[in-house]
Protein backbone atom coordinates (compact mmCIF):
# COMPACT_ATOMS: atom_id res chain seq x y z
CA MET A 1 -18.99 -31.23 0.05
CA ALA A 2 -21.76 -29.06 1.70
CA GLU A 3 -24.60 -31.60 -0.32
CA ARG A 4 -22.85 -34.51 0.62
CA LEU A 5 -22.80 -33.15 4.63
CA GLN A 6 -26.16 -32.06 4.16
CA ALA A 7 -24.83 -28.86 5.62
CA GLU A 8 -25.49 -25.31 4.88
CA LEU A 9 -23.09 -23.76 1.83
CA VAL A 10 -21.71 -20.01 3.26
CA ALA A 11 -19.77 -18.14 0.83
CA ALA A 12 -17.64 -15.20 2.77
CA PHE A 13 -16.48 -11.70 1.70
CA ILE A 14 -14.03 -9.84 4.00
CA GLU A 15 -14.72 -6.71 2.79
CA PRO A 16 -11.23 -4.26 2.82
CA PRO A 17 -11.70 -1.06 4.20
CA ASP A 18 -10.57 0.63 1.02
CA TRP A 19 -12.91 -1.69 -1.19
CA GLU A 20 -14.97 1.39 -2.49
CA HIS A 21 -11.62 2.27 -4.30
CA ALA A 22 -10.71 -1.10 -5.39
CA PRO A 23 -10.06 -0.93 -9.51
CA PHE A 24 -13.69 -1.77 -11.02
CA GLN A 25 -12.30 -4.96 -12.94
CA VAL A 26 -11.75 -6.14 -9.01
CA ARG A 27 -14.68 -5.45 -7.78
CA GLU A 28 -16.63 -6.75 -10.58
CA ALA A 29 -14.99 -10.04 -10.48
CA VAL A 30 -15.46 -10.76 -6.53
CA GLU A 31 -19.22 -9.80 -7.18
CA ALA A 32 -19.59 -12.14 -10.44
CA ASN A 33 -17.89 -14.77 -8.20
CA LEU A 34 -20.51 -14.21 -5.30
CA ARG A 35 -23.27 -14.71 -7.57
CA PHE A 36 -22.13 -17.88 -8.95
CA ALA A 37 -22.05 -19.11 -5.67
CA GLU A 38 -25.49 -18.06 -4.68
CA ASP A 39 -26.39 -19.72 -7.78
CA LEU A 40 -24.99 -22.75 -6.39
CA GLY A 41 -27.44 -22.27 -3.48
CA ALA A 42 -25.08 -20.67 -0.99
CA ARG A 43 -25.52 -17.82 1.63
CA VAL A 44 -23.48 -14.91 0.58
CA VAL A 45 -22.25 -12.92 4.21
CA ARG A 46 -20.37 -10.08 3.74
CA ARG A 47 -18.34 -8.54 6.32
CA LYS A 48 -15.67 -5.85 7.00
CA GLY A 49 -12.42 -6.24 7.75
CA SER A 50 -8.98 -5.56 7.79
CA ASP A 51 -7.35 -8.53 9.08
CA VAL A 52 -9.18 -11.00 6.79
CA ALA A 53 -7.96 -14.08 8.70
CA ALA A 54 -9.41 -12.77 12.04
CA ALA A 55 -12.72 -11.53 10.09
CA LEU A 56 -13.29 -15.06 8.61
CA ALA A 57 -12.32 -16.56 11.68
CA GLN A 58 -14.81 -14.99 13.71
CA LEU A 59 -17.76 -16.00 11.26
CA VAL A 60 -16.44 -19.41 11.54
CA ARG A 61 -17.28 -19.26 15.04
CA ASP A 62 -20.43 -16.81 14.54
CA GLU A 63 -21.57 -19.01 11.92
CA ASN A 64 -20.81 -22.44 13.85
CA VAL A 65 -18.91 -23.54 10.52
CA ALA A 66 -17.63 -26.85 10.67
CA GLN A 67 -15.09 -27.21 7.71
CA VAL A 68 -13.59 -24.18 5.61
CA VAL A 69 -12.47 -24.08 2.08
CA ILE A 70 -10.49 -21.32 1.14
CA GLY A 71 -8.10 -20.74 -2.23
CA HIS A 72 -4.57 -20.00 -1.49
CA SER A 73 -3.39 -16.60 -3.11
CA SER A 74 -0.85 -16.82 -5.95
CA HIS A 75 1.22 -14.23 -3.86
CA SER A 76 5.25 -14.38 -4.35
CA ARG A 77 7.13 -15.47 -1.39
CA TRP A 78 8.39 -11.82 -0.83
CA HIS A 79 4.62 -11.05 -0.38
CA GLU A 80 4.28 -13.45 2.26
CA LEU A 81 7.05 -12.37 3.99
CA VAL A 82 6.44 -8.85 3.84
CA HIS A 83 2.43 -9.05 4.70
CA GLY A 84 1.89 -12.63 5.66
CA SER A 85 -0.12 -15.37 4.88
CA ILE A 86 -3.83 -15.16 5.32
CA VAL A 87 -4.06 -18.92 4.94
CA ASN A 88 -1.18 -19.60 7.47
CA ARG A 89 -3.03 -17.21 9.88
CA LEU A 90 -6.78 -18.81 9.58
CA LEU A 91 -5.37 -21.79 10.02
CA ARG A 92 -3.44 -20.56 13.63
CA ARG A 93 -6.89 -19.20 14.35
CA LEU A 94 -8.46 -22.10 13.85
CA ARG A 95 -6.94 -25.31 15.26
CA ASP A 96 -10.59 -27.21 15.95
CA VAL A 97 -12.28 -26.77 12.43
CA ASP A 98 -11.01 -28.82 9.16
CA VAL A 99 -9.68 -26.30 7.00
CA HIS A 100 -9.26 -27.47 2.96
CA VAL A 101 -6.87 -25.34 1.08
CA ILE A 102 -7.07 -25.15 -2.61
CA GLY A 103 -4.24 -24.42 -5.02
CA ASP A 104 -4.33 -21.43 -7.10
CA GLN A 105 -3.49 -23.37 -9.82
């Protein structure tokens, strides 16, 4: 999509406050994904934040991003009711930006 639009590809990672305590496998998987994004030509941006949607929305504003691609998590409906949906919160914050949500399957 970035190539077709002749736009810069930016991959974002919002690091939670307790990231250093995350399981090793999770941290390794994230790092592998970020390296893959770099291999594809993306500029990787890391931000710290406890509210992923707010941090991503701020990043979008700071970087003047026109389109966002985000994966939909496979959390249960119960988890979303208790914790909320990052995708839904992001959509509410970015009404003037195209947001593409990719399914979890």
